[in-house]
């Protein structure tokens, strides 16, 4: 029989078998060492990504989409903006070609892979129709906040928190001590509570109540209040101080207030219906009083001046009142005198006869103040002087020159040619009398040069004359 020298000869050679084994081991070790860097000779879909903080993310960490591994982080480099000084980390990603293309609006987040601190980069694909080409960079705006890790969660249990928890547990232990029967009764009552709660729970989970939307809204609320967590912590610290202050006055002040509040509320319930009509009447009273109060506010300066002037008059009124009695007695005696009523009737007839004339003449004084001005000017004529004689003796008239001048016989009204030789005469000026315009022409007409003016002047000259008080007329 002939022996086979082919494959059996190679397999039986220990040198060749050992060399092949060593080669296989080297290749396996090489592939295992470079597994996190991607398999050699395999094309990849390379991207870059910017994240604000690559905390605990190292070279070789996985990149996942929907929980499936699609690549690795091949390199991490810190970057800084020279203008703003902002710092971020730039990641080089080697992804499988099967993940190409990733939508341009995709987001990413660094998530924990295990409680030991291992991390991975999760990419959440977006809805954009455009995909990222190889070599493009996922912007910093696509990075989402890093979730809280378990080590960060346990960091909140610092020494003050642990001491507070210990005191709380000790307080709960003291509260539950010796209350076993009551707890047993409470547990036994839970069955009936559960049975009675079933209809309510069925309503809560019904589609019409949108129970899922409630939890989504609660999640949105939690995300909204998260940025103000420090402010809320300060609020609880302030509440602790407030409740501590209440605790110091809880006995007997707050205790007595609570114990006396029910009788007070009962009394209020009984009395308030009786007070309601009074309050409604008060409302109507103050509503009616409002215009008077508003008018009182506007007239308060006048009332103040009247009160200031009235106090001295009231102080002198007793003397006046003392004289009124004999005056009244004298009037009564005068009334009883024969002929008084006849004289009064004659006086009434006289007043009625003078009434039209007085009504026509009175505005010359009451509106225009002409009577006072006349006496004042008469006094000035004979009292004021220039040092040599009074004005009546020193006044010289400069007569205008020209035909029909006022100082010589004239056949017609003066009408020039000199600028001053124009006649201005108003023998019957308006004095605000009945059936006249309300104006005071005498003394208010302006001389119009080069114009002859006889009679009333066109236009209203106003009612202000010399010597009148402000607002008079």
Protein backbone atom coordinates (compact mmCIF):
# COMPACT_ATOMS: atom_id res chain seq x y z
CA UNK A 1 0.00 0.00 0.00
CA UNK A 2 1.30 3.47 -0.88
CA UNK A 3 1.41 6.25 1.78
CA UNK A 4 -0.22 9.74 1.15
CA UNK A 5 2.35 12.49 1.30
CA UNK A 6 0.15 15.63 0.54
CA UNK A 7 -2.03 17.15 3.21
CA UNK A 8 -1.25 14.53 5.72
CA UNK A 9 2.40 15.37 5.40
CA UNK A 10 1.80 19.05 6.12
CA UNK A 11 -0.59 18.37 9.00
CA UNK A 12 1.83 15.93 10.52
CA UNK A 13 4.65 18.44 10.42
CA UNK A 14 4.77 20.07 13.90
CA UNK A 15 6.75 23.06 12.67
CA UNK A 16 4.18 24.06 10.07
CA UNK A 17 1.29 23.45 12.48
CA UNK A 18 2.96 25.62 15.13
CA UNK A 19 3.66 28.43 12.66
CA UNK A 20 0.04 28.46 11.44
CA UNK A 21 -1.23 28.48 15.04
CA UNK A 22 1.02 31.41 15.97
CA UNK A 23 -0.10 33.30 12.84
CA UNK A 24 -3.78 32.74 13.69
CA UNK A 25 -3.20 33.93 17.27
CA UNK A 26 -1.38 37.06 16.05
CA UNK A 27 -4.18 37.88 13.64
CA UNK A 28 -6.81 37.31 16.37
CA UNK A 29 -4.93 39.51 18.83
CA UNK A 30 -4.52 42.19 16.16
CA UNK A 31 -8.19 42.13 15.32
CA UNK A 32 -9.19 42.17 19.01
CA UNK A 33 -6.87 45.09 19.72
CA UNK A 34 -8.20 47.11 16.80
CA UNK A 35 -11.83 46.08 17.23
CA UNK A 36 -12.66 49.42 18.84
CA UNK A 37 -10.97 51.27 15.98
CA UNK A 38 -12.95 49.41 13.29
CA UNK A 39 -11.99 46.45 11.26
CA UNK A 40 -9.11 46.92 8.85
CA UNK A 41 -9.69 47.08 5.13
CA UNK A 42 -13.38 48.01 5.72
CA UNK A 43 -14.64 51.37 4.36
CA UNK A 44 -16.27 53.68 6.93
CA UNK A 45 -18.64 56.69 7.01
CA UNK A 46 -16.57 59.36 8.82
CA UNK A 47 -18.18 62.34 10.56
CA UNK A 48 -17.20 64.94 13.11
CA UNK A 49 -19.35 66.08 16.05
CA UNK A 50 -19.13 68.91 18.57
CA UNK A 51 -20.31 68.39 22.16
CA UNK A 52 -20.13 70.89 25.03
CA UNK A 53 -18.66 68.30 27.41
CA UNK A 54 -17.12 64.92 26.57
CA UNK A 55 -17.24 63.88 30.24
CA UNK A 56 -15.94 60.27 30.70
CA UNK A 57 -16.08 59.70 26.92
CA UNK A 58 -12.83 58.12 25.68
CA UNK A 59 -11.34 56.97 22.43
CA UNK A 60 -12.95 53.76 21.25
CA UNK A 61 -16.37 54.30 22.86
CA UNK A 62 -19.30 53.09 20.83
CA UNK A 63 -21.64 55.15 18.66
CA UNK A 64 -25.19 53.85 18.67
CA UNK A 65 -28.38 54.56 16.75
CA UNK A 66 -31.58 53.12 18.23
CA UNK A 67 -29.51 50.97 20.61
CA UNK A 68 -27.49 49.33 17.81
CA UNK A 69 -23.76 49.85 17.45
CA UNK A 70 -22.96 51.69 14.22
CA UNK A 71 -19.41 52.88 14.87
CA UNK A 72 -16.81 54.13 17.33
CA UNK A 73 -15.31 57.40 18.55
CA UNK A 74 -11.86 57.38 16.95
CA UNK A 75 -10.51 60.64 18.38
CA UNK A 76 -11.33 63.42 20.86
CA UNK A 77 -9.86 66.92 20.67
CA UNK A 78 -10.62 69.94 22.87
CA UNK A 79 -11.41 73.16 20.97
CA UNK A 80 -11.82 76.82 22.06
CA UNK A 81 -13.34 79.84 20.35
CA UNK A 82 -10.72 82.60 20.28
CA UNK A 83 -13.33 85.38 20.35
CA UNK A 84 -15.78 84.15 22.99
CA UNK A 85 -13.51 81.76 24.89
CA UNK A 86 -16.16 79.00 24.66
CA UNK A 87 -14.74 75.47 25.04
CA UNK A 88 -16.11 72.28 23.51
CA UNK A 89 -14.92 68.84 22.43
CA UNK A 90 -14.68 67.72 18.81
CA UNK A 91 -15.24 64.02 18.19
CA UNK A 92 -14.10 62.05 15.14
CA UNK A 93 -16.65 59.34 14.42
CA UNK A 94 -16.06 56.23 12.32
CA UNK A 95 -19.45 54.83 11.37
CA UNK A 96 -20.53 51.86 9.33
CA UNK A 97 -21.57 52.50 5.76
CA UNK A 98 -24.98 51.08 6.65
CA UNK A 99 -25.65 54.19 8.75
CA UNK A 100 -25.09 56.53 5.81
CA UNK A 101 -26.61 59.07 5.42
CA UNK A 102 -27.54 60.49 8.83
CA UNK A 103 -30.22 63.28 8.56
CA UNK A 104 -28.81 66.79 8.93
CA UNK A 105 -31.15 67.67 11.84
CA UNK A 106 -30.14 64.67 13.96
CA UNK A 107 -29.30 65.16 17.63
CA UNK A 108 -26.84 63.37 19.92
CA UNK A 109 -26.43 62.71 23.61
CA UNK A 110 -23.75 61.04 25.75
CA UNK A 111 -25.34 58.23 27.76
CA UNK A 112 -23.98 55.79 30.38
CA UNK A 113 -23.41 52.22 29.20
CA UNK A 114 -22.97 50.71 32.67
CA UNK A 115 -22.93 51.80 36.32
CA UNK A 116 -19.12 51.62 36.21
CA UNK A 117 -18.88 54.83 34.21
CA UNK A 118 -18.56 53.49 30.65
CA UNK A 119 -20.22 55.84 28.15
CA UNK A 120 -21.37 55.78 24.54
CA UNK A 121 -22.57 58.39 22.04
CA UNK A 122 -26.20 58.01 21.00
CA UNK A 123 -27.37 59.61 17.75
CA UNK A 124 -31.09 60.30 17.36
CA UNK A 125 -31.90 60.62 13.63
CA UNK A 126 -34.00 63.59 12.60
CA UNK A 127 -36.60 64.10 9.88
CA UNK A 128 -34.56 66.16 7.40
CA UNK A 129 -34.40 64.96 3.81
CA UNK A 130 -30.78 66.09 3.45
CA UNK A 131 -28.17 63.78 4.89
CA UNK A 132 -24.74 64.59 6.27
CA UNK A 133 -21.97 63.84 3.84
CA UNK A 134 -18.75 62.16 4.92
CA UNK A 135 -16.46 64.66 6.61
CA UNK A 136 -19.26 67.03 7.70
CA UNK A 137 -19.60 68.16 11.32
CA UNK A 138 -22.65 67.70 13.53
CA UNK A 139 -23.02 71.20 15.05
CA UNK A 140 -22.82 72.03 18.73
CA UNK A 141 -26.51 72.97 18.72
CA UNK A 142 -27.41 69.32 18.07
CA UNK A 143 -25.88 68.20 21.38
CA UNK A 144 -28.43 67.57 24.09
CA UNK A 145 -27.77 67.88 27.88
CA UNK A 146 -25.96 64.91 29.33
CA UNK A 147 -28.22 62.72 31.51
CA UNK A 148 -27.54 62.44 35.20
CA UNK A 149 -25.32 59.42 35.97
CA UNK A 150 -25.73 57.21 38.98
CA UNK A 151 -22.55 58.58 40.58
CA UNK A 152 -23.85 62.12 40.15
CA UNK A 153 -27.16 60.99 41.65
CA UNK A 154 -25.44 59.68 44.75
CA UNK A 155 -23.35 62.86 45.02
CA UNK A 156 -26.44 64.66 46.31
CA UNK A 157 -26.31 62.56 49.49
CA UNK A 158 -23.58 64.69 51.09
CA UNK A 159 -22.88 64.70 54.81
CA UNK A 160 -25.61 67.25 55.80
CA UNK A 161 -28.14 65.31 53.70
CA UNK A 162 -27.14 62.02 55.30
CA UNK A 163 -27.50 63.50 58.75
CA UNK A 164 -30.94 64.85 57.86
CA UNK A 165 -31.99 61.44 56.51
CA UNK A 166 -30.78 59.81 59.70
CA UNK A 167 -32.84 62.21 61.80
CA UNK A 168 -35.82 61.62 59.51
CA UNK A 169 -35.55 57.84 59.79
CA UNK A 170 -35.20 58.14 63.57
CA UNK A 171 -38.32 60.31 63.64
CA UNK A 172 -40.26 57.83 61.49
CA UNK A 173 -39.11 55.00 63.73
CA UNK A 174 -40.33 56.85 66.81
CA UNK A 175 -43.61 57.63 65.06
CA UNK A 176 -44.25 54.00 64.06
CA UNK A 177 -43.11 52.56 67.40
CA UNK A 178 -46.00 50.99 69.34
CA UNK A 179 -48.46 51.52 66.49
CA UNK A 180 -48.49 48.03 65.01
CA UNK A 181 -52.22 47.38 65.51
CA UNK A 182 -53.09 50.67 63.83
CA UNK A 183 -50.83 49.83 60.88
CA UNK A 184 -52.46 46.41 60.59
CA UNK A 185 -55.88 48.04 60.51
CA UNK A 186 -54.67 50.47 57.86
CA UNK A 187 -53.35 47.59 55.72
CA UNK A 188 -56.65 45.77 56.13
CA UNK A 189 -58.54 48.87 55.04
CA UNK A 190 -56.43 49.14 51.88
CA UNK A 191 -58.44 46.34 50.27
CA UNK A 192 -61.70 48.27 50.50
CA UNK A 193 -59.88 51.40 49.39
CA UNK A 194 -58.58 49.56 46.34
CA UNK A 195 -62.01 48.20 45.49
CA UNK A 196 -63.58 51.65 45.82
CA UNK A 197 -60.76 53.22 43.79
CA UNK A 198 -61.32 50.97 40.77
CA UNK A 199 -64.12 53.10 39.25
CA UNK A 200 -62.03 56.21 39.73
CA UNK A 201 -58.96 54.58 38.20
CA UNK A 202 -61.00 53.34 35.24
CA UNK A 203 -62.07 56.93 34.61
CA UNK A 204 -58.48 58.16 34.91
CA UNK A 205 -57.11 55.69 32.38
CA UNK A 206 -59.97 56.27 29.91
CA UNK A 207 -58.83 57.80 26.58
CA UNK A 208 -61.06 60.82 27.12
CA UNK A 209 -59.09 61.89 30.23
CA UNK A 210 -55.77 61.96 28.35
CA UNK A 211 -53.90 60.49 31.33
CA UNK A 212 -50.81 60.11 29.15
CA UNK A 213 -50.99 63.80 28.26
CA UNK A 214 -51.07 64.63 31.97
CA UNK A 215 -47.74 62.87 32.50
CA UNK A 216 -46.28 64.50 29.40
CA UNK A 217 -47.36 67.89 30.74
CA UNK A 218 -45.86 66.97 34.11
CA UNK A 219 -42.60 66.10 32.38
CA UNK A 220 -42.66 69.44 30.55
CA UNK A 221 -43.31 71.18 33.85
CA UNK A 222 -40.34 69.43 35.44
CA UNK A 223 -38.15 70.45 32.51
CA UNK A 224 -39.38 74.03 32.92
CA UNK A 225 -38.64 74.26 36.65
CA UNK A 226 -35.28 72.50 36.36
CA UNK A 227 -33.35 75.72 35.53
CA UNK A 228 -34.74 77.35 38.70
CA UNK A 229 -33.87 74.46 40.99
CA UNK A 230 -31.46 76.62 42.99
CA UNK A 231 -34.12 79.29 43.41
CA UNK A 232 -36.56 76.64 44.64
CA UNK A 233 -33.93 75.32 47.04
CA UNK A 234 -33.56 78.85 48.42
CA UNK A 235 -37.35 78.99 48.71
CA UNK A 236 -37.38 75.84 50.84
CA UNK A 237 -34.60 77.24 53.01
CA UNK A 238 -36.64 80.40 53.54
CA UNK A 239 -39.72 78.27 54.29
CA UNK A 240 -37.71 76.38 56.88
CA UNK A 241 -36.84 79.66 58.61
CA UNK A 242 -40.48 80.77 58.37
CA UNK A 243 -41.86 77.56 59.84
CA UNK A 244 -39.17 77.69 62.50
CA UNK A 245 -40.45 81.13 63.48
CA UNK A 246 -44.01 79.76 63.55
CA UNK A 247 -42.87 76.90 65.76
CA UNK A 248 -41.60 79.35 68.37
CA UNK A 249 -45.04 80.97 68.66
CA UNK A 250 -47.14 77.89 68.04
CA UNK A 251 -48.01 77.62 71.72
CA UNK A 252 -50.07 79.36 72.91
CA UNK A 253 -50.62 81.99 70.17
CA UNK A 254 -51.24 79.94 67.01
CA UNK A 255 -52.94 77.21 69.07
CA UNK A 256 -55.39 79.71 70.59
CA UNK A 257 -55.99 81.30 67.17
CA UNK A 258 -56.89 77.92 65.68
CA UNK A 259 -59.09 76.98 68.65
CA UNK A 260 -60.96 80.30 68.56
CA UNK A 261 -61.34 80.46 64.77
CA UNK A 262 -64.42 78.13 64.55
CA UNK A 263 -66.54 80.23 66.99
CA UNK A 264 -65.41 83.35 65.15
CA UNK A 265 -66.43 81.90 61.81
CA UNK A 266 -69.81 80.84 63.24
CA UNK A 267 -70.40 84.37 64.51
CA UNK A 268 -69.39 85.81 61.13
CA UNK A 269 -71.76 83.42 59.33
CA UNK A 270 -74.63 84.60 61.54
CA UNK A 271 -73.83 88.34 61.40
CA UNK A 272 -72.71 88.87 57.81
CA UNK A 273 -76.19 88.28 56.28
CA UNK A 274 -77.56 90.96 58.61
CA UNK A 275 -74.76 93.32 57.58
CA UNK A 276 -75.33 92.78 53.85
CA UNK A 277 -78.19 95.35 53.54
CA UNK A 278 -76.10 97.91 55.42
CA UNK A 279 -73.15 97.31 53.12
CA UNK A 280 -75.37 97.64 50.03
CA UNK A 281 -76.81 100.92 51.36
CA UNK A 282 -73.27 102.09 52.11
CA UNK A 283 -72.28 101.29 48.55
CA UNK A 284 -75.16 103.38 47.15
CA UNK A 285 -74.40 106.17 49.64
CA UNK A 286 -70.75 106.41 48.64
CA UNK A 287 -71.65 106.17 44.95
CA UNK A 288 -74.00 109.15 45.39
CA UNK A 289 -71.37 110.95 47.48
CA UNK A 290 -68.66 110.55 44.84
CA UNK A 291 -69.66 113.57 42.64
CA UNK A 292 -69.89 115.80 45.71
CA UNK A 293 -66.52 114.60 46.97
CA UNK A 294 -64.99 115.24 43.53
CA UNK A 295 -66.52 118.74 43.47
CA UNK A 296 -65.34 119.30 47.04
CA UNK A 297 -61.81 118.52 45.94
CA UNK A 298 -62.00 121.19 43.22
CA UNK A 299 -63.57 123.84 45.50
CA UNK A 300 -61.47 123.09 48.58
CA UNK A 301 -59.21 126.19 48.04
CA UNK A 302 -62.31 128.42 47.92
CA UNK A 303 -63.78 126.74 51.00
CA UNK A 304 -60.46 127.17 52.80
CA UNK A 305 -60.41 130.89 51.99
CA UNK A 306 -64.06 131.23 53.08
CA UNK A 307 -63.38 129.48 56.38
CA UNK A 308 -60.34 131.66 57.03
CA UNK A 309 -62.42 134.78 56.36
CA UNK A 310 -65.43 133.41 58.25
CA UNK A 311 -63.67 132.71 61.56
CA UNK A 312 -63.05 136.41 62.40
CA UNK A 313 -66.61 137.25 61.32
CA UNK A 314 -68.00 134.53 63.58
CA UNK A 315 -65.88 135.82 66.44
CA UNK A 316 -67.54 139.24 66.04
CA UNK A 317 -71.03 137.83 65.47
CA UNK A 318 -72.04 137.82 69.20
CA UNK A 319 -71.84 141.63 69.25
CA UNK A 320 -73.93 141.77 66.06
CA UNK A 321 -76.50 139.37 67.48
CA UNK A 322 -76.76 141.53 70.61
CA UNK A 323 -77.75 144.51 68.43
CA UNK A 324 -80.29 142.58 66.36
CA UNK A 325 -82.94 142.45 69.09
CA UNK A 326 -83.33 146.25 69.53
CA UNK A 327 -83.09 146.65 65.74
CA UNK A 328 -85.89 144.13 65.23
CA UNK A 329 -88.00 145.86 67.90
CA UNK A 330 -87.41 149.21 66.19
CA UNK A 331 -88.48 147.69 62.83
CA UNK A 332 -91.64 146.32 64.42
CA UNK A 333 -92.38 149.73 65.94
CA UNK A 334 -91.66 151.41 62.60
CA UNK A 335 -94.01 148.96 60.88
CA UNK A 336 -96.79 149.94 63.22
CA UNK A 337 -96.33 153.69 62.60
CA UNK A 338 -99.19 155.27 60.55
CA UNK A 339 -98.22 156.18 56.98
CA UNK A 340 -95.33 153.70 56.69
CA UNK A 341 -97.09 151.41 54.23
CA UNK A 342 -98.22 154.41 52.18
CA UNK A 343 -94.61 155.63 51.97
CA UNK A 344 -93.40 152.16 51.04
CA UNK A 345 -95.93 151.97 48.23
CA UNK A 346 -94.78 155.36 46.93
CA UNK A 347 -91.16 154.12 47.12
CA UNK A 348 -92.10 151.01 45.14
CA UNK A 349 -93.77 153.16 42.50
CA UNK A 350 -90.66 155.37 42.32
CA UNK A 351 -88.39 152.34 41.91
CA UNK A 352 -90.61 150.95 39.17
CA UNK A 353 -90.45 154.30 37.34
CA UNK A 354 -86.63 154.49 37.69
CA UNK A 355 -86.05 150.80 36.96
CA UNK A 356 -85.68 151.08 33.11
CA UNK A 357 -83.23 153.95 33.39
CA UNK A 358 -81.22 152.32 36.17
CA UNK A 359 -81.10 149.03 34.24
CA UNK A 360 -79.71 150.94 31.21
CA UNK A 361 -77.19 153.04 33.17
CA UNK A 362 -76.03 150.39 35.69
CA UNK A 363 -73.78 148.37 33.27
CA UNK A 364 -71.69 151.52 32.72
CA UNK A 365 -70.48 150.99 36.30
CA UNK A 366 -71.04 147.27 37.00
CA UNK A 367 -69.39 146.19 33.74
CA UNK A 368 -67.25 149.10 32.55
CA UNK A 369 -66.38 150.81 35.88
CA UNK A 370 -66.91 154.22 34.26
CA UNK A 371 -68.26 156.02 37.36
CA UNK A 372 -65.20 155.09 39.42
CA UNK A 373 -62.85 156.06 36.58
CA UNK A 374 -64.63 159.44 36.24
CA UNK A 375 -64.18 160.37 39.92
CA UNK A 376 -60.59 159.08 39.91
CA UNK A 377 -59.74 161.21 36.86
CA UNK A 378 -61.43 164.28 38.40
CA UNK A 379 -59.32 163.89 41.52
CA UNK A 380 -56.17 163.42 39.42
CA UNK A 381 -56.86 166.55 37.45
CA UNK A 382 -56.70 168.72 40.56
CA UNK A 383 -54.15 166.75 42.61
CA UNK A 384 -51.41 165.43 40.33
CA UNK A 385 -48.99 168.01 38.93
CA UNK A 386 -45.66 168.46 37.20
CA UNK A 387 -44.09 170.64 39.92
CA UNK A 388 -45.29 173.95 38.52
CA UNK A 389 -49.07 173.53 38.53
CA UNK A 390 -51.69 170.85 38.55
CA UNK A 391 -52.66 169.22 35.27
CA UNK A 392 -55.80 171.35 34.89
CA UNK A 393 -53.67 174.51 34.89
CA UNK A 394 -50.65 173.18 32.99
CA UNK A 395 -52.32 171.20 30.25
CA UNK A 396 -51.88 172.72 26.79
CA UNK A 397 -53.82 171.61 23.77
CA UNK A 398 -52.01 171.28 20.48
CA UNK A 399 -54.74 171.84 17.90
CA UNK A 400 -54.43 169.85 14.67
CA UNK A 401 -53.84 171.91 11.52
CA UNK A 402 -55.91 171.68 8.36
CA UNK A 403 -59.38 172.48 6.98
CA UNK A 404 -62.35 171.83 9.27
CA UNK A 405 -59.97 171.35 12.26
CA UNK A 406 -61.61 170.74 15.63
CA UNK A 407 -60.50 174.14 17.11
CA UNK A 408 -62.19 176.32 14.51
CA UNK A 409 -65.54 176.57 12.68
CA UNK A 410 -66.00 173.67 10.28
CA UNK A 411 -68.39 173.01 7.42
CA UNK A 412 -67.73 169.24 7.37
CA UNK A 413 -65.90 166.61 9.44
CA UNK A 414 -62.11 166.99 9.41
CA UNK A 415 -60.63 164.68 6.77
CA UNK A 416 -56.95 165.61 6.35
CA UNK A 417 -54.73 166.26 4.67
CA UNK A 418 -52.54 166.23 7.82
CA UNK A 419 -52.37 162.76 9.52
CA UNK A 420 -53.76 164.22 12.77
CA UNK A 421 -56.58 166.21 11.14
CA UNK A 422 -59.16 163.41 11.00
CA UNK A 423 -62.27 163.59 13.13
CA UNK A 424 -62.87 160.70 15.56
CA UNK A 425 -66.14 161.13 17.45
CA UNK A 426 -68.31 158.60 19.27
CA UNK A 427 -71.00 160.57 21.11
CA UNK A 428 -72.94 157.42 22.10
CA UNK A 429 -70.40 154.66 22.91
CA UNK A 430 -71.54 151.15 23.86
CA UNK A 431 -71.49 150.52 27.63
CA UNK A 432 -72.88 146.94 27.74
CA UNK A 433 -76.39 148.36 28.28
CA UNK A 434 -79.49 146.37 27.28
CA UNK A 435 -79.79 145.84 23.50
CA UNK A 436 -76.12 146.85 23.09
CA UNK A 437 -73.09 144.58 22.50
CA UNK A 438 -71.31 143.58 25.70
CA UNK A 439 -68.38 145.92 25.29
CA UNK A 440 -66.93 149.14 26.81
CA UNK A 441 -66.07 151.37 23.87
CA UNK A 442 -65.23 154.57 25.75
CA UNK A 443 -61.51 154.64 26.43
CA UNK A 444 -60.82 151.41 24.53
CA UNK A 445 -61.01 152.67 20.92
CA UNK A 446 -57.61 152.95 19.23
CA UNK A 447 -57.02 156.09 17.13
CA UNK A 448 -56.83 155.17 13.45
CA UNK A 449 -54.49 157.52 11.63
CA UNK A 450 -55.63 158.79 8.23
CA UNK A 451 -59.28 157.74 8.72
CA UNK A 452 -62.37 159.68 9.73
CA UNK A 453 -64.40 157.66 12.24
CA UNK A 454 -67.78 158.85 13.56
CA UNK A 455 -70.02 156.62 15.70
CA UNK A 456 -69.42 153.10 17.00
CA UNK A 457 -66.24 151.30 16.01
CA UNK A 458 -66.59 147.93 14.24
CA UNK A 459 -65.72 144.87 16.34
CA UNK A 460 -65.95 144.17 20.06
CA UNK A 461 -63.58 146.22 22.20
CA UNK A 462 -63.92 144.02 25.29
CA UNK A 463 -65.09 144.88 28.80
CA UNK A 464 -61.73 145.51 30.53
CA UNK A 465 -61.18 149.09 31.64
CA UNK A 466 -58.74 150.89 33.90
CA UNK A 467 -58.91 149.96 37.58
CA UNK A 468 -60.87 146.70 37.23
CA UNK A 469 -59.81 143.63 39.20
CA UNK A 470 -58.62 140.55 37.28
CA UNK A 471 -61.61 138.60 36.01
CA UNK A 472 -64.10 141.42 36.69
CA UNK A 473 -66.56 142.34 33.94
